[in-house]
C-alpha atoms as a PDB file:
ATOM      1  CA  MET A   1     -79.901 -11.061 -21.224  1.00  0.00           C
ATOM      2  CA  HIS A   2     -79.751  -9.891 -17.581  1.00  0.00           C
ATOM      3  CA  SER A   3     -79.284 -13.508 -16.418  1.00  0.00           C
ATOM      4  CA  PHE A   4     -75.959 -13.664 -18.284  1.00  0.00           C
ATOM      5  CA  LEU A   5     -74.531 -10.519 -16.686  1.00  0.00           C
ATOM      6  CA  PHE A   6     -72.770 -12.186 -13.753  1.00  0.00           C
ATOM      7  CA  PRO A   7     -71.376 -15.247 -15.593  1.00  0.00           C
ATOM      8  CA  VAL A   8     -70.022 -13.084 -18.398  1.00  0.00           C
ATOM      9  CA  SER A   9     -68.688 -10.481 -15.948  1.00  0.00           C
ATOM     10  CA  PHE A  10     -67.002 -13.217 -13.906  1.00  0.00           C
ATOM     11  CA  LEU A  11     -64.937 -14.130 -16.970  1.00  0.00           C
ATOM     12  CA  ILE A  12     -62.904 -10.998 -16.259  1.00  0.00           C
ATOM     13  CA  PHE A  13     -60.929 -13.127 -13.782  1.00  0.00           C
ATOM     14  CA  ALA A  14     -59.858 -15.361 -16.686  1.00  0.00           C
ATOM     15  CA  ILE A  15     -58.229 -12.465 -18.518  1.00  0.00           C
ATOM     16  CA  PRO A  16     -54.535 -12.216 -17.653  1.00  0.00           C
ATOM     17  CA  LEU A  17     -53.621  -8.816 -16.276  1.00  0.00           C
ATOM     18  CA  PRO A  18     -50.818  -6.938 -18.027  1.00  0.00           C
ATOM     19  CA  LEU A  19     -47.437  -7.974 -16.616  1.00  0.00           C
ATOM     20  CA  LEU A  20     -46.465  -4.371 -16.007  1.00  0.00           C
ATOM     21  CA  LEU A  21     -49.555  -3.811 -13.847  1.00  0.00           C
ATOM     22  CA  LEU A  22     -49.106  -7.150 -12.055  1.00  0.00           C
ATOM     23  CA  GLY A  23     -45.494  -6.316 -11.331  1.00  0.00           C
ATOM     24  CA  LYS A  24     -46.275  -2.879  -9.918  1.00  0.00           C
ATOM     25  CA  VAL A  25     -49.076  -4.154  -7.694  1.00  0.00           C
ATOM     26  CA  ALA A  26     -46.993  -7.153  -6.581  1.00  0.00           C
ATOM     27  CA  HIS A  27     -44.108  -4.846  -5.592  1.00  0.00           C
ATOM     28  CA  VAL A  28     -46.452  -2.710  -3.494  1.00  0.00           C
ATOM     29  CA  LEU A  29     -47.915  -5.809  -1.832  1.00  0.00           C
ATOM     30  CA  GLN A  30     -44.395  -7.166  -1.271  1.00  0.00           C
ATOM     31  CA  ALA A  31     -43.355  -3.936   0.457  1.00  0.00           C
ATOM     32  CA  ILE A  32     -46.495  -3.903   2.613  1.00  0.00           C
ATOM     33  CA  ALA A  33     -45.982  -7.531   3.697  1.00  0.00           C
ATOM     34  CA  ALA A  34     -42.314  -7.014   4.533  1.00  0.00           C
ATOM     35  CA  ARG A  35     -42.778  -3.676   6.310  1.00  0.00           C
ATOM     36  CA  CYS A  36     -45.830  -4.677   8.364  1.00  0.00           C
ATOM     37  CA  SER A  37     -44.495  -8.105   9.316  1.00  0.00           C
ATOM     38  CA  ALA A  38     -41.137  -6.704  10.424  1.00  0.00           C
ATOM     39  CA  THR A  39     -42.912  -4.002  12.450  1.00  0.00           C
ATOM     40  CA  ILE A  40     -45.133  -6.552  14.200  1.00  0.00           C
ATOM     41  CA  ILE A  41     -42.137  -8.777  14.968  1.00  0.00           C
ATOM     42  CA  GLU A  42     -40.263  -5.784  16.374  1.00  0.00           C
ATOM     43  CA  LEU A  43     -43.272  -4.804  18.517  1.00  0.00           C
ATOM     44  CA  LEU A  44     -43.254  -8.338  19.917  1.00  0.00           C
ATOM     45  CA  GLY A  45     -39.697  -7.741  21.130  1.00  0.00           C
ATOM     46  CA  ILE A  46     -37.885  -9.894  18.585  1.00  0.00           C
ATOM     47  CA  PRO A  47     -34.756  -8.311  17.108  1.00  0.00           C
ATOM     48  CA  VAL A  48     -35.363  -7.719  13.408  1.00  0.00           C
ATOM     49  CA  THR A  49     -33.892  -5.643  10.618  1.00  0.00           C
ATOM     50  CA  ARG A  50     -35.606  -5.029   7.302  1.00  0.00           C
ATOM     51  CA  VAL A  51     -33.853  -3.963   4.149  1.00  0.00           C
ATOM     52  CA  GLY A  52     -36.374  -3.704   1.333  1.00  0.00           C
ATOM     53  CA  ALA A  53     -38.069  -7.087   1.092  1.00  0.00           C
ATOM     54  CA  ALA A  54     -35.344  -8.824   3.130  1.00  0.00           C
ATOM     55  CA  ILE A  55     -36.169  -9.443   6.773  1.00  0.00           C
ATOM     56  CA  HIS A  56     -33.200 -10.314   8.996  1.00  0.00           C
ATOM     57  CA  LEU A  57     -33.759 -12.231  12.214  1.00  0.00           C
ATOM     58  CA  GLU A  58     -30.888 -13.212  14.525  1.00  0.00           C
ATOM     59  CA  ASP A  59     -30.377 -16.608  12.864  1.00  0.00           C
ATOM     60  CA  ALA A  60     -32.054 -16.290   9.482  1.00  0.00           C
ATOM     61  CA  ILE A  61     -32.817 -14.029   6.578  1.00  0.00           C
ATOM     62  CA  PHE A  62     -36.161 -14.160   4.814  1.00  0.00           C
ATOM     63  CA  ILE A  63     -36.992 -12.445   1.577  1.00  0.00           C
ATOM     64  CA  VAL A  64     -40.608 -11.669   0.814  1.00  0.00           C
ATOM     65  CA  ALA A  65     -40.314 -12.601  -2.859  1.00  0.00           C
ATOM     66  CA  LEU A  66     -42.822 -11.489  -5.478  1.00  0.00           C
ATOM     67  CA  PRO A  67     -44.616 -14.884  -5.408  1.00  0.00           C
ATOM     68  CA  CYS A  68     -45.039 -14.347  -1.644  1.00  0.00           C
ATOM     69  CA  SER A  69     -46.368 -10.809  -2.065  1.00  0.00           C
ATOM     70  CA  GLY A  70     -49.967 -11.991  -1.747  1.00  0.00           C
ATOM     71  CA  MET A  71     -50.941 -11.067  -5.320  1.00  0.00           C
ATOM     72  CA  HIS A  72     -52.252 -14.543  -6.119  1.00  0.00           C
ATOM     73  CA  SER A  73     -54.238 -14.638  -2.892  1.00  0.00           C
ATOM     74  CA  LEU A  74     -55.660 -11.196  -3.614  1.00  0.00           C
ATOM     75  CA  ILE A  75     -56.883 -12.159  -7.088  1.00  0.00           C
ATOM     76  CA  SER A  76     -58.208 -15.504  -5.817  1.00  0.00           C
ATOM     77  CA  LEU A  77     -60.050 -13.924  -2.890  1.00  0.00           C
ATOM     78  CA  LEU A  78     -61.583 -11.292  -5.183  1.00  0.00           C
ATOM     79  CA  ALA A  79     -62.817 -14.053  -7.512  1.00  0.00           C
ATOM     80  CA  LEU A  80     -64.207 -16.100  -4.623  1.00  0.00           C
ATOM     81  CA  ALA A  81     -65.755 -12.977  -3.096  1.00  0.00           C
ATOM     82  CA  SER A  82     -67.475 -12.231  -6.405  1.00  0.00           C
ATOM     83  CA  ILE A  83     -69.125 -15.652  -6.432  1.00  0.00           C
ATOM     84  CA  PHE A  84     -70.072 -15.313  -2.760  1.00  0.00           C
ATOM     85  CA  ILE A  85     -71.504 -11.828  -3.288  1.00  0.00           C
ATOM     86  CA  TYR A  86     -73.548 -13.108  -6.221  1.00  0.00           C
ATOM     87  CA  ILE A  87     -75.511 -15.439  -3.911  1.00  0.00           C
ATOM     88  CA  LEU A  88     -76.058 -12.819  -1.199  1.00  0.00           C
ATOM     89  CA  ARG A  89     -79.290 -10.980  -0.652  1.00  0.00           C
ATOM     90  CA  CYS A  90     -78.536  -7.365   0.193  1.00  0.00           C
ATOM     91  CA  PRO A  91     -78.429  -3.986  -1.540  1.00  0.00           C
ATOM     92  CA  TRP A  92     -75.810  -3.426  -4.221  1.00  0.00           C
ATOM     93  CA  TYR A  93     -73.888  -0.906  -2.119  1.00  0.00           C
ATOM     94  CA  LYS A  94     -73.360  -3.496   0.633  1.00  0.00           C
ATOM     95  CA  LYS A  95     -72.122  -5.932  -2.009  1.00  0.00           C
ATOM     96  CA  ALA A  96     -69.712  -3.254  -3.256  1.00  0.00           C
ATOM     97  CA  VAL A  97     -68.467  -2.697   0.307  1.00  0.00           C
ATOM     98  CA  LEU A  98     -67.968  -6.430   0.725  1.00  0.00           C
ATOM     99  CA  LEU A  99     -66.057  -6.761  -2.544  1.00  0.00           C
ATOM    100  CA  SER A 100     -63.888  -3.795  -1.533  1.00  0.00           C
ATOM    101  CA  ALA A 101     -63.291  -5.362   1.896  1.00  0.00           C
ATOM    102  CA  ALA A 102     -61.751  -8.401   0.193  1.00  0.00           C
ATOM    103  CA  ILE A 103     -58.668  -6.308  -0.652  1.00  0.00           C
ATOM    104  CA  PRO A 104     -57.570  -5.374   2.897  1.00  0.00           C
ATOM    105  CA  ILE A 105     -58.615  -8.819   4.118  1.00  0.00           C
ATOM    106  CA  ALA A 106     -56.318 -10.511   1.567  1.00  0.00           C
ATOM    107  CA  ILE A 107     -53.451  -8.130   2.381  1.00  0.00           C
ATOM    108  CA  SER A 108     -53.912  -8.654   6.128  1.00  0.00           C
ATOM    109  CA  ALA A 109     -53.972 -12.425   5.704  1.00  0.00           C
ATOM    110  CA  ASN A 110     -50.679 -12.277   3.822  1.00  0.00           C
ATOM    111  CA  VAL A 111     -49.094 -10.051   6.477  1.00  0.00           C
ATOM    112  CA  LEU A 112     -50.281 -12.530   9.105  1.00  0.00           C
ATOM    113  CA  ARG A 113     -48.803 -15.421   7.087  1.00  0.00           C
ATOM    114  CA  VAL A 114     -45.392 -13.740   6.813  1.00  0.00           C
ATOM    115  CA  THR A 115     -45.467 -12.682  10.479  1.00  0.00           C
ATOM    116  CA  LEU A 116     -46.297 -16.201  11.665  1.00  0.00           C
ATOM    117  CA  LEU A 117     -43.546 -17.587   9.436  1.00  0.00           C
ATOM    118  CA  LEU A 118     -41.063 -15.219  11.100  1.00  0.00           C
ATOM    119  CA  LEU A 119     -42.309 -16.111  14.587  1.00  0.00           C
ATOM    120  CA  ILE A 120     -41.918 -19.821  13.900  1.00  0.00           C
ATOM    121  CA  ALA A 121     -38.470 -19.232  12.401  1.00  0.00           C
ATOM    122  CA  ASP A 122     -37.440 -17.294  15.495  1.00  0.00           C
ATOM    123  CA  ALA A 123     -38.721 -19.979  17.858  1.00  0.00           C
ATOM    124  CA  TYR A 124     -37.932 -23.201  15.959  1.00  0.00           C
ATOM    125  CA  GLY A 125     -35.539 -22.272  13.169  1.00  0.00           C
ATOM    126  CA  ALA A 126     -35.795 -21.275   9.545  1.00  0.00           C
ATOM    127  CA  ASP A 127     -35.914 -24.850   8.249  1.00  0.00           C
ATOM    128  CA  THR A 128     -38.971 -25.693  10.340  1.00  0.00           C
ATOM    129  CA  ALA A 129     -40.688 -22.496   9.271  1.00  0.00           C
ATOM    130  CA  MET A 130     -40.024 -23.028   5.580  1.00  0.00           C
ATOM    131  CA  GLU A 131     -40.653 -26.782   5.401  1.00  0.00           C
ATOM    132  CA  PHE A 132     -43.720 -27.104   7.584  1.00  0.00           C
ATOM    133  CA  PHE A 133     -45.377 -23.742   7.954  1.00  0.00           C
ATOM    134  CA  HIS A 134     -44.799 -22.194   4.546  1.00  0.00           C
ATOM    135  CA  THR A 135     -46.490 -25.083   2.763  1.00  0.00           C
ATOM    136  CA  LEU A 136     -49.253 -25.907   5.232  1.00  0.00           C
ATOM    137  CA  PHE A 137     -50.532 -22.547   6.406  1.00  0.00           C
ATOM    138  CA  SER A 138     -50.835 -20.631   3.149  1.00  0.00           C
ATOM    139  CA  PRO A 139     -54.087 -22.420   2.202  1.00  0.00           C
ATOM    140  CA  LEU A 140     -55.261 -22.297   5.822  1.00  0.00           C
ATOM    141  CA  LEU A 141     -54.860 -18.518   5.973  1.00  0.00           C
ATOM    142  CA  PHE A 142     -56.664 -18.148   2.644  1.00  0.00           C
ATOM    143  CA  ILE A 143     -59.605 -20.085   4.109  1.00  0.00           C
ATOM    144  CA  THR A 144     -59.423 -17.871   7.202  1.00  0.00           C
ATOM    145  CA  ALA A 145     -59.547 -14.769   4.964  1.00  0.00           C
ATOM    146  CA  PHE A 146     -62.683 -16.085   3.271  1.00  0.00           C
ATOM    147  CA  LEU A 147     -64.281 -16.875   6.635  1.00  0.00           C
ATOM    148  CA  PHE A 148     -63.533 -13.298   7.688  1.00  0.00           C
ATOM    149  CA  LEU A 149     -65.239 -12.094   4.509  1.00  0.00           C
ATOM    150  CA  ILE A 150     -68.296 -14.155   5.484  1.00  0.00           C
ATOM    151  CA  LEU A 151     -68.203 -12.556   8.936  1.00  0.00           C
ATOM    152  CA  VAL A 152     -68.116  -9.085   7.387  1.00  0.00           C
ATOM    153  CA  SER A 153     -71.135  -9.992   5.236  1.00  0.00           C
ATOM    154  CA  ILE A 154     -73.049 -11.019   8.352  1.00  0.00           C
ATOM    155  CA  VAL A 155     -72.079  -7.835  10.208  1.00  0.00           C
ATOM    156  CA  ILE A 156     -73.282  -5.602   7.354  1.00  0.00           C
ATOM    157  CA  GLY A 157     -76.566  -7.517   7.169  1.00  0.00           C
ATOM    158  CA  CYS A 158     -76.297  -9.649   4.053  1.00  0.00           C
ATOM    159  CA  THR A 159     -77.904 -13.082   3.923  1.00  0.00           C
ATOM    160  CA  VAL A 160     -77.379 -16.039   1.625  1.00  0.00           C
ATOM    161  CA  THR A 161     -80.384 -16.806  -0.510  1.00  0.00           C
ATOM    162  CA  ALA A 162     -81.690 -20.354  -0.664  1.00  0.00           C
ATOM    163  CA  GLY A 163     -82.000 -20.415  -4.451  1.00  0.00           C
ATOM    164  CA  GLY A 164     -78.849 -18.469  -5.275  1.00  0.00           C
ATOM    165  CA  GLY A 165     -78.522 -14.773  -5.777  1.00  0.00           C
ATOM    166  CA  GLY A 166     -78.306 -12.825  -8.880  1.00  0.00           C
ATOM    167  CA  PRO A 167     -80.666 -11.043 -11.134  1.00  0.00           C
ATOM    168  CA  SER A 168     -83.928 -12.540  -9.877  1.00  0.00           C
ATOM    169  CA  HIS A 169     -83.550 -10.555  -6.664  1.00  0.00           C
ATOM    170  CA  GLY A 170     -82.760  -7.279  -8.339  1.00  0.00           C
ATOM    171  CA  ASP A 171     -80.062  -6.499  -5.774  1.00  0.00           C
ATOM    172  CA  TRP A 172     -76.996  -6.350  -7.989  1.00  0.00           C
END
C-alpha cells in the first residue's frame, strides 16, 4: 500500500482547481509580475509607468494578462518538483523545503521573463519582443527555474538515488 502513496498523491495535479481559486491566485501573480518587473525596469533607468497590469514604456504598452501571470508555470513547476523530490534521498523536511521553494522560484522566473521582455522591447521594439522573445524564452526560463530547483536541492544536501526514491528509503 505504501508503494502507491506517491503515484496516487501525484494525481492531485490532474484535478482541475476551482476557477474562483485559480482566478484569485492568477490575479495576485499578475500583480506581482507587473509590479516587480516595472520596478526593476525603473531601477535600470528606463522610463516606465505601471497602471495595474499595464506597463507603459516610451514606445509600447504591455499588459501582463492572466495567461502571462505565471500560474501555469507555477503549477507545472510544482508537479515537476514533486517528481524530482520523489527520487531524492534526504529527510522529509528538506523535501518539504524544496517543494516550498518551487513557489518563489516559479514567481521569480516569471518576473524575469516579463522584465526581459520589457528590456528587449525597449531596446529593439515591441514587435521583436513579442514575436521572438515571448515565444522562445518562456520554455527556456521554465527550464532555468527547474535547474535552480536542482541547485537548491544540492545546497540543502539532497542527492538523487540510483534506483529512484520513494518509500523504500523511508525518507518521505
